[in-house]
Amino acid sequence: MLSVALCTLRTRWVTFVGSFVALSLGVALLAVMGLALASSVDAPERQPERFAAAPVVVQGQQ
């Protein structure tokens, strides 16, 4: 049974490599999105620092 699997892998190696690359990219994408979500959840609440020293701030109508 193992020889049949190895023979199939030998003849269809491009499909195996493509599946492996797609799986690796999917795992990497999930890891990056998890890190981005974790960093945004734990971000401290801060006031904008660039407006603190400005003498005048112009704001449009809301």
Foldseek 3Di string as FASTA:
>chain_A
DVVVVVVVCVVPVVVVVVVVVVVVVVVVVVVVVVVVVVCVVPDDDDDDPVCPPDPDDDDDDD
